Protein backbone atom coordinates (compact mmCIF):
# COMPACT_ATOMS: atom_id res chain seq x y z
CA MET A 1 -18.42 -74.38 30.52
CA ILE A 2 -18.40 -70.60 30.47
CA ASP A 3 -19.19 -68.70 27.62
CA MET A 4 -18.47 -64.79 26.25
CA ILE A 5 -21.09 -62.79 25.98
CA HIS A 6 -20.53 -60.17 23.64
CA GLY A 7 -19.91 -56.57 25.93
CA GLU A 8 -20.90 -57.73 28.82
CA GLY A 9 -18.69 -60.05 30.16
CA MET A 10 -19.11 -64.27 30.57
CA GLN A 11 -21.70 -66.61 31.93
CA CYS A 12 -21.55 -69.91 33.18
CA ASP A 13 -24.48 -72.35 30.68
CA GLN A 14 -24.48 -74.43 34.01
CA CYS A 15 -25.69 -72.21 36.84
CA GLU A 16 -26.17 -68.63 34.65
CA THR A 17 -23.63 -66.91 36.70
CA ILE A 18 -22.28 -64.23 34.51
CA TYR A 19 -18.53 -62.80 35.47
CA PRO A 20 -18.17 -59.15 34.58
CA LEU A 21 -15.28 -58.33 32.03
CA TYR A 22 -13.30 -55.36 32.60
CA LYS A 23 -11.84 -53.02 29.50
CA ASN A 24 -8.47 -51.70 30.10
CA GLY A 25 -7.17 -50.30 27.65
CA GLU A 26 -6.39 -53.25 25.20
CA HIS A 27 -6.72 -55.70 27.75
CA ASN A 28 -10.19 -57.36 28.77
CA LEU A 29 -9.94 -58.43 32.40
CA PRO A 30 -12.66 -61.20 33.71
CA TRP A 31 -13.94 -60.56 37.25
CA LEU A 32 -14.11 -64.91 37.92
CA PHE A 33 -14.79 -65.03 41.72
CA GLU A 34 -17.72 -67.70 42.83
CA HIS A 35 -20.01 -65.22 43.45
CA PRO A 36 -18.93 -62.18 41.88
CA GLU A 37 -21.58 -59.29 42.26
CA LEU A 38 -21.04 -60.22 46.67
CA ASN A 39 -17.16 -59.88 46.40
CA LEU A 40 -17.53 -56.82 44.27
CA LEU A 41 -19.14 -55.58 47.58
CA GLU A 42 -16.39 -56.69 49.10
CA TRP A 43 -13.92 -54.84 47.27
CA THR A 44 -16.20 -51.95 47.42
CA ALA A 45 -15.58 -52.04 51.36
CA ARG A 46 -11.93 -52.49 50.97
CA LEU A 47 -12.21 -49.12 48.79
CA ASN A 48 -14.66 -47.53 51.52
CA GLY A 49 -11.76 -48.63 54.27
CA PHE A 50 -9.26 -47.10 52.18
CA LEU A 51 -10.94 -43.96 51.91
CA HIS A 52 -11.67 -43.86 55.33
CA LEU A 53 -7.46 -44.40 56.40
CA ASN A 54 -6.56 -41.79 53.93
CA GLN A 55 -8.74 -38.87 55.66
CA GLN A 56 -7.92 -39.58 58.58
CA SER A 57 -4.38 -39.07 58.36
CA GLN A 58 -5.53 -36.05 56.16
CA ILE A 59 -7.11 -35.15 59.96
CA GLN A 60 -4.16 -35.91 61.78
CA LEU A 61 -1.60 -34.28 59.44
CA LYS A 62 -4.18 -30.83 59.28
CA GLU A 63 -3.95 -31.51 63.37
CA ALA A 64 -0.21 -31.57 63.06
CA GLN A 65 -0.05 -28.04 61.68
CA LYS A 66 -1.76 -26.38 64.04
CA ASP A 67 1.79 -26.58 66.31
CA LYS A 68 3.23 -23.50 67.24
CA ARG A 69 7.13 -25.22 67.64
CA LEU A 70 7.22 -26.25 64.01
CA SER A 71 10.36 -25.12 62.19
CA LYS A 72 10.17 -23.92 58.61
CA THR A 73 11.53 -27.90 57.67
CA SER A 74 8.98 -29.57 59.94
CA ILE A 75 6.31 -26.84 58.32
CA LYS A 76 6.66 -27.90 54.62
CA ARG A 77 7.28 -31.27 55.21
CA ILE A 78 3.67 -31.69 56.70
CA ALA A 79 2.52 -29.75 54.12
CA LYS A 80 3.58 -31.41 50.96
CA LEU A 81 2.20 -34.93 52.84
CA LEU A 82 -1.08 -33.78 53.36
CA ALA A 83 -1.39 -32.83 50.04
CA SER A 84 -0.06 -35.48 48.55
CA LYS A 85 -2.87 -37.47 50.47
CA ASN A 86 -5.49 -35.98 48.09
CA LYS A 87 -3.41 -36.57 45.10
CA GLN A 88 -3.15 -40.42 46.60
CA VAL A 89 -6.98 -40.98 46.53
CA THR A 90 -7.15 -39.49 42.93
CA GLN A 91 -4.30 -41.67 41.41
CA ILE A 92 -5.41 -45.08 43.09
CA LEU A 93 -9.30 -44.21 42.21
CA GLU A 94 -7.96 -43.79 38.35
CA ILE A 95 -5.83 -47.08 38.42
CA ILE A 96 -9.37 -49.26 40.19
CA SER A 97 -11.51 -46.57 37.79
CA PRO A 98 -12.24 -49.90 34.85
CA LEU A 99 -14.27 -51.46 38.02
CA ASN A 100 -16.40 -48.87 38.81
CA LEU A 101 -16.52 -49.76 41.92
CA GLN A 102 -18.22 -46.36 43.48
CA GLN A 103 -21.70 -47.19 41.96
CA TYR A 104 -21.95 -49.80 44.21
CA ASN A 105 -23.82 -49.86 47.45
CA VAL A 106 -21.48 -51.02 50.74
CA GLU A 107 -24.48 -51.16 52.90
CA GLN A 108 -25.94 -53.71 50.82
CA ILE A 109 -22.80 -56.52 51.87
CA ASN A 110 -24.04 -56.07 55.57
CA SER A 111 -27.82 -56.72 54.54
CA SER A 112 -27.08 -59.28 51.92
CA VAL A 113 -27.81 -63.12 54.03
CA ASN A 114 -25.38 -64.81 51.11
CA ALA A 115 -22.25 -61.83 51.70
CA LEU A 116 -20.04 -64.47 53.56
CA GLN A 117 -20.29 -66.81 51.21
CA SER A 118 -17.60 -64.24 48.95
CA LYS A 119 -15.35 -63.23 52.31
CA ILE A 120 -11.91 -61.56 51.41
CA PRO A 121 -9.88 -62.50 54.44
CA SER A 122 -9.59 -59.22 56.40
CA ILE A 123 -5.20 -58.69 55.75
CA GLN A 124 -5.99 -58.29 52.34
CA GLY A 125 -6.89 -54.60 51.86
CA LEU A 126 -6.66 -52.90 48.85
CA THR A 127 -3.49 -50.99 49.43
CA SER A 128 -1.76 -54.32 50.81
CA TYR A 129 1.21 -55.34 49.43
CA TYR A 130 0.81 -51.37 47.69
CA ASP A 131 5.12 -50.69 47.87
CA ASN A 132 5.26 -53.82 45.38
CA ILE A 133 3.89 -51.74 42.39
CA PHE A 134 6.92 -49.34 43.08
CA ARG A 135 9.16 -52.07 43.50
CA ASP A 136 8.06 -53.72 40.33
CA TRP A 137 7.57 -51.03 38.15
CA SER A 138 9.69 -47.98 39.24
CA TRP A 139 12.72 -48.36 41.30
CA ASP A 140 15.09 -50.36 39.01
CA ASN A 141 17.55 -50.98 41.95
CA GLY A 142 18.32 -54.61 40.88
CA GLU A 143 15.12 -56.71 42.79
CA ASN A 144 13.30 -57.84 40.12
CA GLU A 145 16.80 -59.15 38.14
CA GLN A 146 17.86 -60.98 41.23
CA MET A 147 14.16 -62.64 41.63
CA LEU A 148 14.37 -63.47 38.07
CA ALA A 149 17.88 -65.41 38.82
CA ALA A 150 16.57 -66.70 41.63
CA VAL A 151 14.02 -68.67 39.55
CA THR A 152 15.87 -69.25 36.22
CA ASP A 153 18.62 -70.96 38.05
CA VAL A 154 16.39 -73.77 38.73
CA ILE A 155 14.53 -74.41 35.13
CA PRO A 156 16.10 -76.61 33.29
CA LYS A 157 17.69 -75.15 30.03
CA ASP A 158 15.52 -75.20 26.70
CA VAL A 159 12.39 -75.93 28.65
CA LYS A 160 9.07 -74.72 27.03
CA LEU A 161 6.61 -72.91 29.52
CA GLY A 162 3.80 -73.49 26.90
CA LYS A 163 0.99 -71.94 28.27
CA VAL A 164 1.47 -70.50 32.39
CA LEU A 165 -0.29 -69.24 34.68
CA THR A 166 1.16 -67.51 37.84
CA ILE A 167 -1.28 -67.58 40.83
CA GLY A 168 -0.75 -64.83 43.11
CA ALA A 169 0.89 -62.14 40.28
CA GLY A 170 0.81 -59.30 41.81
CA ALA A 171 1.73 -56.27 40.13
CA GLY A 172 3.14 -59.21 37.30
CA ARG A 173 6.75 -57.95 37.24
CA LEU A 174 8.67 -61.46 37.60
CA SER A 175 5.54 -63.01 35.20
CA TYR A 176 6.54 -59.94 33.10
CA ASP A 177 10.15 -61.16 33.15
CA ILE A 178 9.24 -64.61 32.81
CA HIS A 179 7.03 -63.78 29.42
CA GLU A 180 10.08 -62.14 28.23
CA LYS A 181 12.73 -64.34 28.60
CA TYR A 182 10.97 -68.06 28.06
CA LEU A 183 8.50 -66.39 25.38
CA PRO A 184 5.83 -68.94 26.16
CA GLU A 185 2.79 -69.97 24.21
CA PHE A 186 0.70 -67.52 26.78
CA SER A 187 0.48 -66.28 30.09
CA VAL A 188 -2.16 -65.58 32.35
CA LEU A 189 -2.04 -63.72 35.64
CA LEU A 190 -4.12 -64.17 38.43
CA ASP A 191 -4.87 -62.46 41.55
CA ILE A 192 -7.13 -61.25 44.12
CA ASN A 193 -6.30 -57.86 44.74
CA PRO A 194 -7.68 -55.45 41.64
CA LEU A 195 -5.31 -51.93 42.90
CA LEU A 196 -2.62 -54.40 41.65
CA LEU A 197 -3.41 -56.63 38.57
CA LEU A 198 -4.80 -53.26 36.92
CA ALA A 199 -1.97 -51.34 37.74
CA GLY A 200 0.13 -54.41 36.39
CA SER A 201 -2.20 -54.53 33.17
CA ASN A 202 -1.69 -51.14 32.21
CA VAL A 203 2.13 -50.72 32.37
CA ILE A 204 2.86 -54.08 30.81
CA GLN A 205 0.68 -52.67 27.69
CA GLY A 206 3.02 -50.15 27.32
CA ASP A 207 0.83 -47.10 29.46
CA SER A 208 2.81 -45.56 32.52
CA PHE A 209 1.07 -43.85 35.52
CA SER A 210 1.96 -41.65 38.95
CA LEU A 211 1.71 -42.77 41.88
CA ASN A 212 2.72 -41.74 45.82
CA GLU A 213 5.16 -43.78 47.85
CA TYR A 214 5.35 -43.35 51.11
CA PRO A 215 8.83 -45.06 52.81
CA ILE A 216 8.34 -46.68 55.88
CA ALA A 217 12.00 -44.74 56.79
CA PRO A 218 12.35 -42.04 55.09
CA ILE A 219 16.20 -40.90 54.42
CA ASN A 220 15.71 -37.01 54.56
CA ASN A 221 12.60 -34.68 54.09
CA ASN A 222 11.99 -35.02 50.70
CA SER A 223 11.54 -38.70 51.05
CA PHE A 224 8.76 -38.78 53.12
CA VAL A 225 6.53 -38.98 50.51
CA THR A 226 7.65 -38.65 46.56
CA GLU A 227 5.03 -39.24 43.31
CA GLN A 228 6.89 -42.21 41.03
CA LEU A 229 6.42 -42.55 37.59
CA CYS A 230 5.51 -46.73 37.11
CA LYS A 231 6.59 -47.85 33.58
CA ALA A 232 7.55 -51.18 32.01
CA PRO A 233 11.03 -51.41 30.05
CA ASN A 234 8.92 -52.66 27.18
CA ALA A 235 5.23 -53.49 26.19
CA ILE A 236 3.63 -56.67 25.85
CA ASN A 237 0.78 -56.71 24.04
CA GLU A 238 0.74 -60.33 22.64
CA ASN A 239 -0.60 -63.86 24.35
CA ILE A 240 -0.34 -62.25 28.26
CA TYR A 241 -3.79 -61.93 29.79
CA PHE A 242 -5.27 -61.21 33.28
CA MET A 243 -7.83 -62.68 35.54
CA PHE A 244 -9.63 -61.12 39.09
CA ALA A 245 -10.09 -64.63 40.65
CA ASP A 246 -9.32 -66.45 44.31
CA GLY A 247 -5.99 -68.21 43.89
CA MET A 248 -6.98 -70.75 46.29
CA ASN A 249 -9.74 -71.82 44.44
CA PRO A 250 -8.53 -70.85 40.97
CA PRO A 251 -11.22 -70.92 38.25
CA VAL A 252 -9.44 -73.41 35.71
CA LYS A 253 -9.97 -76.49 34.29
CA ASN A 254 -7.94 -79.34 34.97
CA ASN A 255 -4.79 -80.11 33.17
CA SER A 256 -5.47 -76.59 31.18
CA PHE A 257 -1.92 -74.85 31.99
CA ASP A 258 1.37 -76.81 31.14
CA THR A 259 3.08 -74.63 33.66
CA VAL A 260 1.76 -72.76 37.38
CA MET A 261 3.79 -70.40 38.79
CA THR A 262 3.57 -69.63 42.57
CA PRO A 263 5.66 -66.15 43.51
CA TRP A 264 5.64 -65.69 47.54
CA LEU A 265 2.42 -67.41 48.05
CA ILE A 266 3.03 -70.98 49.63
CA ASP A 267 3.77 -69.62 52.82
CA ILE A 268 0.89 -66.98 53.31
CA ILE A 269 -2.05 -68.66 52.22
CA PRO A 270 -4.69 -69.24 54.80
CA GLN A 271 -5.07 -72.89 54.30
CA ASN A 272 -2.98 -76.01 55.22
CA LEU A 273 -0.27 -76.12 52.39
CA ARG A 274 -1.13 -80.19 52.19
CA ASP A 275 -4.45 -79.28 50.76
CA TYR A 276 -3.36 -76.83 48.15
CA ILE A 277 -1.06 -78.61 46.61
CA PRO A 278 -3.32 -81.09 45.10
CA ARG A 279 -5.34 -77.97 43.48
CA ILE A 280 -1.54 -76.77 41.69
CA ASN A 281 -1.82 -80.30 40.89
CA ALA A 282 -4.49 -80.22 39.18
CA SER A 283 -4.28 -77.26 37.01
CA ILE A 284 -1.82 -78.77 34.63
CA PRO A 285 -1.04 -82.47 33.26
CA VAL A 286 1.17 -85.08 33.70
CA GLY A 287 4.66 -84.25 32.50
CA GLY A 288 3.58 -80.18 33.48
CA ALA A 289 5.86 -78.09 35.94
CA TRP A 290 5.26 -76.27 38.93
CA ILE A 291 7.60 -73.25 40.11
CA ASN A 292 7.90 -71.56 43.08
CA THR A 293 9.93 -68.82 44.78
CA GLY A 294 9.65 -67.22 47.98
CA SER A 295 10.31 -67.15 51.47
CA LEU A 296 8.63 -70.27 53.65
CA ALA A 297 8.00 -68.02 56.62
CA PHE A 298 4.64 -70.05 57.75
CA SER A 299 2.59 -67.82 60.34
CA HIS A 300 -0.26 -70.15 61.30
CA LYS A 301 -2.27 -70.45 64.76
CA GLN A 302 -1.33 -73.75 64.24
CA ALA A 303 2.10 -75.22 64.63
CA SER A 304 1.78 -78.29 62.08
CA TRP A 305 1.28 -75.97 59.29
CA CYS A 306 4.14 -73.63 59.61
CA TYR A 307 6.63 -76.38 57.66
CA SER A 308 10.20 -76.76 57.32
CA GLU A 309 12.09 -76.58 53.84
CA GLU A 310 12.07 -80.65 54.28
CA GLU A 311 8.65 -80.83 55.03
CA VAL A 312 8.01 -78.59 52.46
CA VAL A 313 9.69 -81.33 49.82
CA GLU A 314 8.13 -84.34 51.52
CA LEU A 315 4.75 -82.66 51.17
CA ILE A 316 5.60 -81.98 46.91
CA GLU A 317 6.72 -85.13 46.47
CA LYS A 318 3.54 -86.85 48.17
CA SER A 319 1.29 -84.93 45.94
CA GLY A 320 2.14 -86.15 42.50
CA PHE A 321 5.21 -84.41 42.03
CA GLU A 322 9.10 -84.83 41.32
CA ILE A 323 11.18 -81.70 42.15
CA ILE A 324 14.20 -81.51 39.48
CA SER A 325 15.97 -78.55 40.88
CA SER A 326 15.85 -76.62 43.83
CA LYS A 327 17.63 -73.99 45.52
CA ARG A 328 17.86 -71.31 48.12
CA SER A 329 18.87 -67.96 47.05
CA THR A 330 19.66 -64.52 49.14
CA ILE A 331 18.10 -61.34 47.55
CA ASP A 332 17.48 -57.86 48.29
CA TYR A 333 13.69 -57.24 49.28
CA MET A 334 12.04 -53.70 49.12
CA HIS A 335 14.74 -51.47 49.27
CA SER A 336 13.13 -48.19 48.61
CA PRO A 337 16.25 -45.94 47.43
CA LEU A 338 14.04 -43.47 49.31
CA SER A 339 14.30 -45.74 52.97
CA ALA A 340 16.92 -46.26 55.24
CA HIS A 341 14.71 -49.58 56.02
CA GLY A 342 15.49 -52.77 53.20
CA ARG A 343 16.03 -55.96 54.39
CA MET A 344 17.77 -59.46 52.84
CA GLU A 345 15.94 -62.65 52.15
CA THR A 346 16.43 -65.51 51.40
CA VAL A 347 14.12 -67.47 48.87
CA PHE A 348 13.44 -71.12 48.38
CA SER A 349 12.75 -71.82 44.53
CA PHE A 350 12.12 -75.04 42.85
CA TYR A 351 10.84 -76.49 39.17
CA ALA A 352 8.83 -79.70 39.92
CA LYS A 353 7.45 -82.13 37.44
CA LYS A 354 3.96 -83.62 37.54
CA ILE A 355 4.10 -87.15 37.48
CA LYS A 356 0.83 -88.80 38.45
CA ASN A 357 -2.61 -87.01 39.46
CA VAL A 358 -3.65 -86.79 43.09
CA VAL A 359 -7.20 -86.31 44.95
CA VAL A 360 -8.17 -82.83 44.73
CA PRO A 361 -9.63 -81.63 48.22
CA PRO A 362 -13.20 -79.48 47.86
CA LYS A 363 -12.99 -76.55 47.34
CA TYR A 364 -11.44 -73.98 49.87
CA ASP A 365 -13.79 -72.50 52.29
CA TYR A 366 -12.17 -69.22 53.77
CA LEU A 367 -14.82 -69.00 56.79
CA PRO A 368 -15.62 -72.69 58.37
CA LYS A 369 -19.12 -74.10 58.21
CA TRP A 370 -20.16 -72.92 61.79
CA ILE A 371 -20.29 -69.37 60.75
CA LYS A 372 -21.41 -69.71 57.16
CA SER A 373 -24.13 -71.81 58.57
CA THR A 374 -26.09 -70.61 61.03
CA SER A 375 -27.77 -73.94 61.94
CA THR A 376 -24.35 -75.53 62.70
CA PRO A 377 -23.05 -75.75 66.60
CA ILE A 378 -20.02 -73.26 67.38
CA PRO A 379 -16.79 -75.45 68.50
CA LYS A 380 -16.66 -75.72 71.94
CA GLN A 381 -13.07 -74.52 72.00
CA TYR A 382 -14.26 -70.77 71.31
CA GLU A 383 -15.32 -70.81 74.97
CA GLN A 384 -11.61 -70.76 76.19
CA GLU A 385 -11.23 -66.87 74.80
CA ILE A 386 -13.96 -65.39 76.55
CA GLU A 387 -11.29 -63.44 79.10
CA SER A 388 -9.72 -62.15 75.97
CA SER A 389 -13.16 -59.88 75.13
CA GLN A 390 -13.41 -56.62 76.58
CA HIS A 391 -16.29 -55.39 74.46
CA LEU A 392 -19.75 -56.34 76.30
CA LEU A 393 -22.04 -57.96 73.56
CA GLN A 394 -18.65 -60.10 72.15
CA ALA A 395 -17.97 -61.32 75.70
CA GLN A 396 -21.73 -62.23 75.61
CA VAL A 397 -21.73 -64.14 72.96
CA LEU A 398 -18.52 -66.00 72.91
CA GLY A 399 -19.99 -66.16 76.69
CA ALA A 400 -22.55 -68.51 74.86
CA ILE A 401 -20.51 -70.92 73.15
CA ASP A 402 -20.77 -74.31 74.57
CA GLY A 403 -19.86 -76.74 71.89
CA GLU A 404 -23.87 -77.34 71.35
CA ARG A 405 -25.13 -74.07 70.50
CA SER A 406 -25.39 -72.20 66.90
CA ILE A 407 -25.23 -68.93 65.60
CA GLU A 408 -29.24 -69.29 65.72
CA HIS A 409 -29.42 -70.20 69.06
CA ILE A 410 -27.25 -67.56 70.10
CA GLY A 411 -28.68 -65.37 68.13
CA ASP A 412 -32.58 -65.85 69.64
CA LEU A 413 -30.92 -65.61 72.97
CA LEU A 414 -29.86 -61.73 72.43
CA ALA A 415 -33.05 -60.73 70.27
CA LYS A 416 -35.19 -61.71 73.70
CA GLN A 417 -32.50 -60.20 75.96
CA TYR A 418 -32.38 -57.05 73.79
CA ASN A 419 -35.68 -56.70 72.16
CA LEU A 420 -34.39 -57.18 69.06
CA PRO A 421 -35.46 -58.58 65.72
CA ILE A 422 -34.28 -62.02 64.97
CA ALA A 423 -33.05 -61.52 61.72
CA GLU A 424 -30.87 -58.38 63.25
CA ALA A 425 -29.49 -60.32 66.17
CA ARG A 426 -28.25 -63.40 64.38
CA HIS A 427 -26.32 -61.24 61.95
CA ALA A 428 -24.53 -59.42 64.70
CA VAL A 429 -23.59 -62.97 66.27
CA ARG A 430 -22.59 -63.85 63.11
CA ARG A 431 -20.44 -60.68 62.26
CA ILE A 432 -18.94 -60.71 65.97
CA LEU A 433 -17.93 -64.25 65.57
CA VAL A 434 -16.19 -63.45 61.96
CA ASP A 435 -14.19 -60.97 63.50
CA PHE A 436 -13.31 -63.24 66.21
CA TYR A 437 -12.39 -65.67 64.09
CA GLU A 438 -10.09 -63.74 61.93
CA ASN A 439 -8.25 -61.96 64.71
CA ASN A 440 -7.28 -65.08 67.08
């Protein structure tokens, strides 16, 4: 059970963990990750990563300005881009300012023994899905209306959605549109990315902000960067809430929502969908609903996880649901008015009713036990990847994998070879294995 602490956050009355509560305008957003402080450090690292890449981009633009062959048009374009990069930093820092991430020392995450307990997938950067903010709240090109139609086409008429949880809400436009159309008892928007969720919180409560857009394929010289105004058609200040949390392990009680919605989610989760559906099942009571929309572009390393539409339907029905209606719809996707690049997506939408409870698997861990526990043997399969290693230390670490040795064993070998402290050597081995695990 989690209880409120006035002005500070929320506390679990069992483990006494304090979960921060961040004020953003009229909204209070709880930070409900299992290890809240470590996760804040992870997002501080992601912020620093963005700042570093932005600085590198500025350096490259300054180098480009030295080209004596530039035309006046080119000089204007590069100067505009350079000025915009500085402004982008200010814009993003303003959006995420409620978190005050810059107060945290990112070096703490490298020295913390338990840092990996809160590891965020490396593909989830601060500006991941950055353009979705513009699609949701700026472009006004019909994409949001098409997405809403794809969902409403499968929702039965006169249905009451009740209490709605959106997992992977992103910047929030679909949740906003569903809330306006169906007037649920309340809506909760959950996402792992603070930039997206805070952006959605800002506009949904009636605020607006400016943010620089950098189109993939600018249509002309003026389109390389444009400062866009992001705002919602109407403000919603009642019965809509936000939470920072991991959608792989939603921090909600069993049967606490009447409807769970998963937009553009089930094909990009890092877990086997077979094991994830029971977690959705647990969030709603018998008679509750699961609404899904998005692509089925599975791209897992394991071929057995890359399901067809027919297999997805089988998994749903084997996991305590009955599909009431489903439909494939072809819609525009990420067609920026400033870009020559855009594509069509055929999305699979369904409305499924829960008909029975199923067994829920243990909490999902992004990293395997042999990385999180230094004494667990590393699977022998990883020795096959030695040839792809070009870095000497990485090659030595992978070369020591034999199916029996653990991180502790390999770390001790390196400590002896390089005269390093054992703790430092083991930490180095672990970081190499984390990087390798994520990239293969």
